[in-house]
Amino acid sequence: MDTKLTLKLDKKVIEKAKEYAAKQKISVSFIVENYLKAITSMEKSDQKEEIKISDFVNSIPVGNGEIPADFDFKKDRQEYLVEKYK
């Protein structure tokens, strides 16, 4: 059952939403309804902080994230540039 809802929003936001909806051939109500469904279903399933990471990103090797205290950034950058422009 559909029920009417009145919202107070910035005029520019409303205009952009209407333009977007027209281009997508959907209504602003449809956009708002689907957004509200999405955020309320995420809250129920405790997936708010859970973000799916693609297989490609997972395949990228990473270090342990620690940088030695005596690491010389300037020297490393200089060596990189010398090697790059050989």
PDB file of N, CA and C in Angstrom:
ATOM      1  N   MET A   1       0.839  -1.181   0.000  1.00  0.00           N
ATOM      2  CA  MET A   1       0.000   0.000   0.000  1.00  0.00           C
ATOM      3  C   MET A   1       0.884   1.243   0.000  1.00  0.00           C
ATOM      4  N   ASP A   2       0.649   2.118  -0.926  1.00  0.00           N
ATOM      5  CA  ASP A   2       1.420   3.354  -1.009  1.00  0.00           C
ATOM      6  C   ASP A   2       0.818   4.417  -0.101  1.00  0.00           C
ATOM      7  N   THR A   3       1.703   5.159   0.557  1.00  0.00           N
ATOM      8  CA  THR A   3       1.300   6.248   1.435  1.00  0.00           C
ATOM      9  C   THR A   3       2.087   7.485   1.046  1.00  0.00           C
ATOM     10  N   LYS A   4       1.471   8.633   1.112  1.00  0.00           N
ATOM     11  CA  LYS A   4       2.123   9.882   0.743  1.00  0.00           C
ATOM     12  C   LYS A   4       3.064  10.337   1.854  1.00  0.00           C
ATOM     13  N   LEU A   5       4.228  10.883   1.460  1.00  0.00           N
ATOM     14  CA  LEU A   5       5.227  11.396   2.393  1.00  0.00           C
ATOM     15  C   LEU A   5       5.682  12.761   1.888  1.00  0.00           C
ATOM     16  N   THR A   6       5.725  13.741   2.771  1.00  0.00           N
ATOM     17  CA  THR A   6       6.182  15.079   2.408  1.00  0.00           C
ATOM     18  C   THR A   6       7.564  15.294   3.003  1.00  0.00           C
ATOM     19  N   LEU A   7       8.509  15.718   2.158  1.00  0.00           N
ATOM     20  CA  LEU A   7       9.884  15.959   2.597  1.00  0.00           C
ATOM     21  C   LEU A   7      10.271  17.400   2.319  1.00  0.00           C
ATOM     22  N   LYS A   8      11.108  17.973   3.174  1.00  0.00           N
ATOM     23  CA  LYS A   8      11.679  19.297   2.939  1.00  0.00           C
ATOM     24  C   LYS A   8      13.121  19.074   2.505  1.00  0.00           C
ATOM     25  N   LEU A   9      13.418  19.426   1.256  1.00  0.00           N
ATOM     26  CA  LEU A   9      14.759  19.253   0.705  1.00  0.00           C
ATOM     27  C   LEU A   9      15.194  20.536   0.011  1.00  0.00           C
ATOM     28  N   ASP A  10      16.492  20.660  -0.177  1.00  0.00           N
ATOM     29  CA  ASP A  10      17.050  21.791  -0.901  1.00  0.00           C
ATOM     30  C   ASP A  10      16.496  21.805  -2.332  1.00  0.00           C
ATOM     31  N   LYS A  11      16.152  22.975  -2.822  1.00  0.00           N
ATOM     32  CA  LYS A  11      15.540  23.113  -4.143  1.00  0.00           C
ATOM     33  C   LYS A  11      16.431  22.538  -5.246  1.00  0.00           C
ATOM     34  N   LYS A  12      17.743  22.793  -5.162  1.00  0.00           N
ATOM     35  CA  LYS A  12      18.663  22.293  -6.187  1.00  0.00           C
ATOM     36  C   LYS A  12      18.731  20.767  -6.174  1.00  0.00           C
ATOM     37  N   VAL A  13      18.670  20.188  -4.989  1.00  0.00           N
ATOM     38  CA  VAL A  13      18.688  18.726  -4.873  1.00  0.00           C
ATOM     39  C   VAL A  13      17.452  18.141  -5.547  1.00  0.00           C
ATOM     40  N   ILE A  14      16.317  18.763  -5.318  1.00  0.00           N
ATOM     41  CA  ILE A  14      15.069  18.295  -5.927  1.00  0.00           C
ATOM     42  C   ILE A  14      15.147  18.392  -7.450  1.00  0.00           C
ATOM     43  N   GLU A  15      15.649  19.518  -7.949  1.00  0.00           N
ATOM     44  CA  GLU A  15      15.762  19.704  -9.400  1.00  0.00           C
ATOM     45  C   GLU A  15      16.670  18.648 -10.016  1.00  0.00           C
ATOM     46  N   LYS A  16      17.823  18.408  -9.383  1.00  0.00           N
ATOM     47  CA  LYS A  16      18.748  17.403  -9.905  1.00  0.00           C
ATOM     48  C   LYS A  16      18.149  16.004  -9.832  1.00  0.00           C
ATOM     49  N   ALA A  17      17.431  15.725  -8.769  1.00  0.00           N
ATOM     50  CA  ALA A  17      16.785  14.419  -8.625  1.00  0.00           C
ATOM     51  C   ALA A  17      15.739  14.213  -9.719  1.00  0.00           C
ATOM     52  N   LYS A  18      14.979  15.258 -10.024  1.00  0.00           N
ATOM     53  CA  LYS A  18      13.966  15.162 -11.075  1.00  0.00           C
ATOM     54  C   LYS A  18      14.612  14.953 -12.441  1.00  0.00           C
ATOM     55  N   GLU A  19      15.718  15.667 -12.701  1.00  0.00           N
ATOM     56  CA  GLU A  19      16.437  15.495 -13.967  1.00  0.00           C
ATOM     57  C   GLU A  19      16.960  14.067 -14.090  1.00  0.00           C
ATOM     58  N   TYR A  20      17.570  13.583 -13.022  1.00  0.00           N
ATOM     59  CA  TYR A  20      18.111  12.224 -13.016  1.00  0.00           C
ATOM     60  C   TYR A  20      16.996  11.205 -13.243  1.00  0.00           C
ATOM     61  N   ALA A  21      15.894  11.372 -12.532  1.00  0.00           N
ATOM     62  CA  ALA A  21      14.768  10.446 -12.656  1.00  0.00           C
ATOM     63  C   ALA A  21      14.220  10.442 -14.082  1.00  0.00           C
ATOM     64  N   ALA A  22      14.117  11.614 -14.686  1.00  0.00           N
ATOM     65  CA  ALA A  22      13.611  11.704 -16.055  1.00  0.00           C
ATOM     66  C   ALA A  22      14.543  10.976 -17.024  1.00  0.00           C
ATOM     67  N   LYS A  23      15.852  11.160 -16.852  1.00  0.00           N
ATOM     68  CA  LYS A  23      16.822  10.483 -17.725  1.00  0.00           C
ATOM     69  C   LYS A  23      16.752   8.969 -17.559  1.00  0.00           C
ATOM     70  N   GLN A  24      16.522   8.522 -16.334  1.00  0.00           N
ATOM     71  CA  GLN A  24      16.464   7.085 -16.049  1.00  0.00           C
ATOM     72  C   GLN A  24      15.070   6.499 -16.302  1.00  0.00           C
ATOM     73  N   LYS A  25      14.121   7.381 -16.610  1.00  0.00           N
ATOM     74  CA  LYS A  25      12.722   6.998 -16.834  1.00  0.00           C
ATOM     75  C   LYS A  25      12.124   6.305 -15.609  1.00  0.00           C
ATOM     76  N   ILE A  26      12.386   6.903 -14.448  1.00  0.00           N
ATOM     77  CA  ILE A  26      11.823   6.438 -13.181  1.00  0.00           C
ATOM     78  C   ILE A  26      11.341   7.665 -12.411  1.00  0.00           C
ATOM     79  N   SER A  27      10.674   7.442 -11.313  1.00  0.00           N
ATOM     80  CA  SER A  27      10.184   8.573 -10.516  1.00  0.00           C
ATOM     81  C   SER A  27      11.116   8.843  -9.337  1.00  0.00           C
ATOM     82  N   VAL A  28      11.047  10.063  -8.822  1.00  0.00           N
ATOM     83  CA  VAL A  28      11.815  10.415  -7.627  1.00  0.00           C
ATOM     84  C   VAL A  28      11.335   9.558  -6.457  1.00  0.00           C
ATOM     85  N   SER A  29      10.054   9.292  -6.405  1.00  0.00           N
ATOM     86  CA  SER A  29       9.514   8.427  -5.345  1.00  0.00           C
ATOM     87  C   SER A  29      10.161   7.047  -5.390  1.00  0.00           C
ATOM     88  N   PHE A  30      10.344   6.517  -6.589  1.00  0.00           N
ATOM     89  CA  PHE A  30      10.977   5.208  -6.756  1.00  0.00           C
ATOM     90  C   PHE A  30      12.413   5.236  -6.229  1.00  0.00           C
ATOM     91  N   ILE A  31      13.138   6.311  -6.534  1.00  0.00           N
ATOM     92  CA  ILE A  31      14.522   6.450  -6.065  1.00  0.00           C
ATOM     93  C   ILE A  31      14.565   6.477  -4.540  1.00  0.00           C
ATOM     94  N   VAL A  32      13.728   7.318  -3.945  1.00  0.00           N
ATOM     95  CA  VAL A  32      13.707   7.457  -2.482  1.00  0.00           C
ATOM     96  C   VAL A  32      13.303   6.141  -1.831  1.00  0.00           C
ATOM     97  N   GLU A  33      12.278   5.502  -2.366  1.00  0.00           N
ATOM     98  CA  GLU A  33      11.806   4.239  -1.793  1.00  0.00           C
ATOM     99  C   GLU A  33      12.902   3.172  -1.828  1.00  0.00           C
ATOM    100  N   ASN A  34      13.590   3.049  -2.954  1.00  0.00           N
ATOM    101  CA  ASN A  34      14.649   2.042  -3.057  1.00  0.00           C
ATOM    102  C   ASN A  34      15.837   2.370  -2.165  1.00  0.00           C
ATOM    103  N   TYR A  35      16.145   3.649  -2.026  1.00  0.00           N
ATOM    104  CA  TYR A  35      17.223   4.048  -1.124  1.00  0.00           C
ATOM    105  C   TYR A  35      16.870   3.676   0.315  1.00  0.00           C
ATOM    106  N   LEU A  36      15.658   3.989   0.720  1.00  0.00           N
ATOM    107  CA  LEU A  36      15.236   3.673   2.089  1.00  0.00           C
ATOM    108  C   LEU A  36      15.196   2.165   2.332  1.00  0.00           C
ATOM    109  N   LYS A  37      14.764   1.409   1.329  1.00  0.00           N
ATOM    110  CA  LYS A  37      14.783  -0.055   1.455  1.00  0.00           C
ATOM    111  C   LYS A  37      16.212  -0.559   1.636  1.00  0.00           C
ATOM    112  N   ALA A  38      17.129   0.001   0.865  1.00  0.00           N
ATOM    113  CA  ALA A  38      18.523  -0.446   0.926  1.00  0.00           C
ATOM    114  C   ALA A  38      19.144  -0.166   2.290  1.00  0.00           C
ATOM    115  N   ILE A  39      18.969   1.044   2.812  1.00  0.00           N
ATOM    116  CA  ILE A  39      19.623   1.360   4.086  1.00  0.00           C
ATOM    117  C   ILE A  39      18.966   0.651   5.256  1.00  0.00           C
ATOM    118  N   THR A  40      17.654   0.429   5.171  1.00  0.00           N
ATOM    119  CA  THR A  40      17.008  -0.269   6.284  1.00  0.00           C
ATOM    120  C   THR A  40      17.299  -1.760   6.253  1.00  0.00           C
ATOM    121  N   SER A  41      17.481  -2.337   5.081  1.00  0.00           N
ATOM    122  CA  SER A  41      17.818  -3.763   5.023  1.00  0.00           C
ATOM    123  C   SER A  41      19.259  -3.987   5.452  1.00  0.00           C
ATOM    124  N   MET A  42      20.153  -3.028   5.179  1.00  0.00           N
ATOM    125  CA  MET A  42      21.547  -3.150   5.625  1.00  0.00           C
ATOM    126  C   MET A  42      21.603  -3.100   7.142  1.00  0.00           C
ATOM    127  N   GLU A  43      20.779  -2.262   7.735  1.00  0.00           N
ATOM    128  CA  GLU A  43      20.762  -2.130   9.189  1.00  0.00           C
ATOM    129  C   GLU A  43      20.298  -3.430   9.840  1.00  0.00           C
ATOM    130  N   LYS A  44      19.300  -4.059   9.267  1.00  0.00           N
ATOM    131  CA  LYS A  44      18.766  -5.302   9.813  1.00  0.00           C
ATOM    132  C   LYS A  44      19.790  -6.425   9.762  1.00  0.00           C
ATOM    133  N   SER A  45      20.555  -6.478   8.688  1.00  0.00           N
ATOM    134  CA  SER A  45      21.482  -7.592   8.515  1.00  0.00           C
ATOM    135  C   SER A  45      22.891  -7.265   9.008  1.00  0.00           C
ATOM    136  N   ASP A  46      23.063  -6.142   9.687  1.00  0.00           N
ATOM    137  CA  ASP A  46      24.365  -5.736  10.221  1.00  0.00           C
ATOM    138  C   ASP A  46      25.463  -5.710   9.160  1.00  0.00           C
ATOM    139  N   GLN A  47      25.127  -5.297   7.954  1.00  0.00           N
ATOM    140  CA  GLN A  47      26.105  -5.220   6.879  1.00  0.00           C
ATOM    141  C   GLN A  47      26.536  -3.782   6.637  1.00  0.00           C
ATOM    142  N   LYS A  48      26.242  -2.910   7.563  1.00  0.00           N
ATOM    143  CA  LYS A  48      26.538  -1.495   7.397  1.00  0.00           C
ATOM    144  C   LYS A  48      28.019  -1.258   7.100  1.00  0.00           C
ATOM    145  N   GLU A  49      28.883  -1.962   7.828  1.00  0.00           N
ATOM    146  CA  GLU A  49      30.315  -1.752   7.660  1.00  0.00           C
ATOM    147  C   GLU A  49      30.945  -2.773   6.724  1.00  0.00           C
ATOM    148  N   GLU A  50      30.172  -3.745   6.281  1.00  0.00           N
ATOM    149  CA  GLU A  50      30.703  -4.794   5.429  1.00  0.00           C
ATOM    150  C   GLU A  50      30.659  -4.349   3.974  1.00  0.00           C
ATOM    151  N   ILE A  51      31.815  -4.281   3.347  1.00  0.00           N
ATOM    152  CA  ILE A  51      31.909  -3.872   1.954  1.00  0.00           C
ATOM    153  C   ILE A  51      32.506  -5.031   1.174  1.00  0.00           C
ATOM    154  N   LYS A  52      31.868  -5.411   0.071  1.00  0.00           N
ATOM    155  CA  LYS A  52      32.382  -6.510  -0.731  1.00  0.00           C
ATOM    156  C   LYS A  52      33.607  -6.029  -1.488  1.00  0.00           C
ATOM    157  N   ILE A  53      34.693  -6.774  -1.332  1.00  0.00           N
ATOM    158  CA  ILE A  53      35.938  -6.457  -2.020  1.00  0.00           C
ATOM    159  C   ILE A  53      36.057  -7.397  -3.205  1.00  0.00           C
ATOM    160  N   SER A  54      36.316  -6.828  -4.381  1.00  0.00           N
ATOM    161  CA  SER A  54      36.364  -7.638  -5.595  1.00  0.00           C
ATOM    162  C   SER A  54      37.539  -8.611  -5.567  1.00  0.00           C
ATOM    163  N   ASP A  55      37.426  -9.667  -6.367  1.00  0.00           N
ATOM    164  CA  ASP A  55      38.494 -10.664  -6.464  1.00  0.00           C
ATOM    165  C   ASP A  55      39.790 -10.027  -6.956  1.00  0.00           C
ATOM    166  N   PHE A  56      39.663  -9.049  -7.870  1.00  0.00           N
ATOM    167  CA  PHE A  56      40.853  -8.378  -8.388  1.00  0.00           C
ATOM    168  C   PHE A  56      41.616  -7.672  -7.273  1.00  0.00           C
ATOM    169  N   VAL A  57      40.900  -6.938  -6.442  1.00  0.00           N
ATOM    170  CA  VAL A  57      41.551  -6.215  -5.343  1.00  0.00           C
ATOM    171  C   VAL A  57      42.174  -7.206  -4.362  1.00  0.00           C
ATOM    172  N   ASN A  58      41.469  -8.292  -4.074  1.00  0.00           N
ATOM    173  CA  ASN A  58      42.015  -9.304  -3.170  1.00  0.00           C
ATOM    174  C   ASN A  58      43.262  -9.973  -3.731  1.00  0.00           C
ATOM    175  N   SER A  59      43.412  -9.974  -5.059  1.00  0.00           N
ATOM    176  CA  SER A  59      44.565 -10.633  -5.670  1.00  0.00           C
ATOM    177  C   SER A  59      45.835  -9.783  -5.615  1.00  0.00           C
ATOM    178  N   ILE A  60      45.721  -8.522  -5.256  1.00  0.00           N
ATOM    179  CA  ILE A  60      46.885  -7.635  -5.200  1.00  0.00           C
ATOM    180  C   ILE A  60      47.697  -7.950  -3.949  1.00  0.00           C
ATOM    181  N   PRO A  61      48.985  -8.300  -4.135  1.00  0.00           N
ATOM    182  CA  PRO A  61      49.806  -8.607  -2.960  1.00  0.00           C
ATOM    183  C   PRO A  61      50.122  -7.341  -2.165  1.00  0.00           C
ATOM    184  N   VAL A  62      50.080  -7.452  -0.858  1.00  0.00           N
ATOM    185  CA  VAL A  62      50.387  -6.318   0.007  1.00  0.00           C
ATOM    186  C   VAL A  62      51.383  -6.743   1.071  1.00  0.00           C
ATOM    187  N   GLY A  63      52.147  -5.787   1.547  1.00  0.00           N
ATOM    188  CA  GLY A  63      53.093  -6.064   2.625  1.00  0.00           C
ATOM    189  C   GLY A  63      52.384  -6.027   3.962  1.00  0.00           C
ATOM    190  N   ASN A  64      53.187  -5.993   5.018  1.00  0.00           N
ATOM    191  CA  ASN A  64      52.593  -5.972   6.351  1.00  0.00           C
ATOM    192  C   ASN A  64      52.223  -4.561   6.792  1.00  0.00           C
ATOM    193  N   GLY A  65      52.552  -3.545   5.967  1.00  0.00           N
ATOM    194  CA  GLY A  65      52.160  -2.178   6.267  1.00  0.00           C
ATOM    195  C   GLY A  65      53.103  -1.441   7.200  1.00  0.00           C
ATOM    196  N   GLU A  66      54.167  -2.092   7.630  1.00  0.00           N
ATOM    197  CA  GLU A  66      55.102  -1.447   8.549  1.00  0.00           C
ATOM    198  C   GLU A  66      56.292  -0.879   7.776  1.00  0.00           C
ATOM    199  N   ILE A  67      56.703   0.315   8.145  1.00  0.00           N
ATOM    200  CA  ILE A  67      57.857   0.969   7.530  1.00  0.00           C
ATOM    201  C   ILE A  67      58.934   1.073   8.598  1.00  0.00           C
ATOM    202  N   PRO A  68      60.147   0.617   8.272  1.00  0.00           N
ATOM    203  CA  PRO A  68      61.222   0.691   9.267  1.00  0.00           C
ATOM    204  C   PRO A  68      61.469   2.132   9.723  1.00  0.00           C
ATOM    205  N   ALA A  69      61.848   2.307  10.960  1.00  0.00           N
ATOM    206  CA  ALA A  69      62.081   3.637  11.531  1.00  0.00           C
ATOM    207  C   ALA A  69      63.204   4.374  10.814  1.00  0.00           C
ATOM    208  N   ASP A  70      64.187   3.649  10.285  1.00  0.00           N
ATOM    209  CA  ASP A  70      65.328   4.286   9.631  1.00  0.00           C
ATOM    210  C   ASP A  70      65.156   4.387   8.109  1.00  0.00           C
ATOM    211  N   PHE A  71      63.953   4.217   7.607  1.00  0.00           N
ATOM    212  CA  PHE A  71      63.705   4.266   6.166  1.00  0.00           C
ATOM    213  C   PHE A  71      63.919   5.681   5.651  1.00  0.00           C
ATOM    214  N   ASP A  72      64.713   5.824   4.583  1.00  0.00           N
ATOM    215  CA  ASP A  72      65.030   7.128   4.002  1.00  0.00           C
ATOM    216  C   ASP A  72      64.171   7.340   2.747  1.00  0.00           C
ATOM    217  N   PHE A  73      63.096   8.090   2.896  1.00  0.00           N
ATOM    218  CA  PHE A  73      62.167   8.306   1.799  1.00  0.00           C
ATOM    219  C   PHE A  73      62.829   9.037   0.631  1.00  0.00           C
ATOM    220  N   LYS A  74      63.631  10.046   0.942  1.00  0.00           N
ATOM    221  CA  LYS A  74      64.271  10.834  -0.116  1.00  0.00           C
ATOM    222  C   LYS A  74      65.226   9.973  -0.926  1.00  0.00           C
ATOM    223  N   LYS A  75      66.000   9.145  -0.255  1.00  0.00           N
ATOM    224  CA  LYS A  75      66.948   8.266  -0.945  1.00  0.00           C
ATOM    225  C   LYS A  75      66.190   7.265  -1.818  1.00  0.00           C
ATOM    226  N   ASP A  76      65.126   6.695  -1.275  1.00  0.00           N
ATOM    227  CA  ASP A  76      64.332   5.726  -2.030  1.00  0.00           C
ATOM    228  C   ASP A  76      63.715   6.384  -3.261  1.00  0.00           C
ATOM    229  N   ARG A  77      63.203   7.590  -3.116  1.00  0.00           N
ATOM    230  CA  ARG A  77      62.614   8.321  -4.240  1.00  0.00           C
ATOM    231  C   ARG A  77      63.677   8.617  -5.297  1.00  0.00           C
ATOM    232  N   GLN A  78      64.857   9.028  -4.850  1.00  0.00           N
ATOM    233  CA  GLN A  78      65.947   9.326  -5.775  1.00  0.00           C
ATOM    234  C   GLN A  78      66.335   8.074  -6.559  1.00  0.00           C
ATOM    235  N   GLU A  79      66.457   6.946  -5.877  1.00  0.00           N
ATOM    236  CA  GLU A  79      66.805   5.691  -6.552  1.00  0.00           C
ATOM    237  C   GLU A  79      65.723   5.300  -7.560  1.00  0.00           C
ATOM    238  N   TYR A  80      64.482   5.509  -7.181  1.00  0.00           N
ATOM    239  CA  TYR A  80      63.364   5.202  -8.077  1.00  0.00           C
ATOM    240  C   TYR A  80      63.448   6.048  -9.350  1.00  0.00           C
ATOM    241  N   LEU A  81      63.687   7.361  -9.193  1.00  0.00           N
ATOM    242  CA  LEU A  81      63.736   8.256 -10.347  1.00  0.00           C
ATOM    243  C   LEU A  81      64.940   7.964 -11.239  1.00  0.00           C
ATOM    244  N   VAL A  82      66.079   7.649 -10.638  1.00  0.00           N
ATOM    245  CA  VAL A  82      67.268   7.299 -11.424  1.00  0.00           C
ATOM    246  C   VAL A  82      66.971   6.062 -12.263  1.00  0.00           C
ATOM    247  N   GLU A  83      66.354   5.066 -11.654  1.00  0.00           N
ATOM    248  CA  GLU A  83      66.019   3.824 -12.365  1.00  0.00           C
ATOM    249  C   GLU A  83      64.971   4.085 -13.450  1.00  0.00           C
ATOM    250  N   LYS A  84      64.011   4.928 -13.151  1.00  0.00           N
ATOM    251  CA  LYS A  84      62.932   5.212 -14.091  1.00  0.00           C
ATOM    252  C   LYS A  84      63.445   5.909 -15.344  1.00  0.00           C
ATOM    253  N   TYR A  85      64.373   6.855 -15.183  1.00  0.00           N
ATOM    254  CA  TYR A  85      64.827   7.668 -16.309  1.00  0.00           C
ATOM    255  C   TYR A  85      66.181   7.238 -16.852  1.00  0.00           C
ATOM    256  N   LYS A  86      66.558   5.988 -16.651  1.00  0.00           N
ATOM    257  CA  LYS A  86      67.815   5.466 -17.229  1.00  0.00           C
ATOM    258  C   LYS A  86      67.762   5.494 -18.720  1.00  0.00           C
TER     259      LYS A  86
END
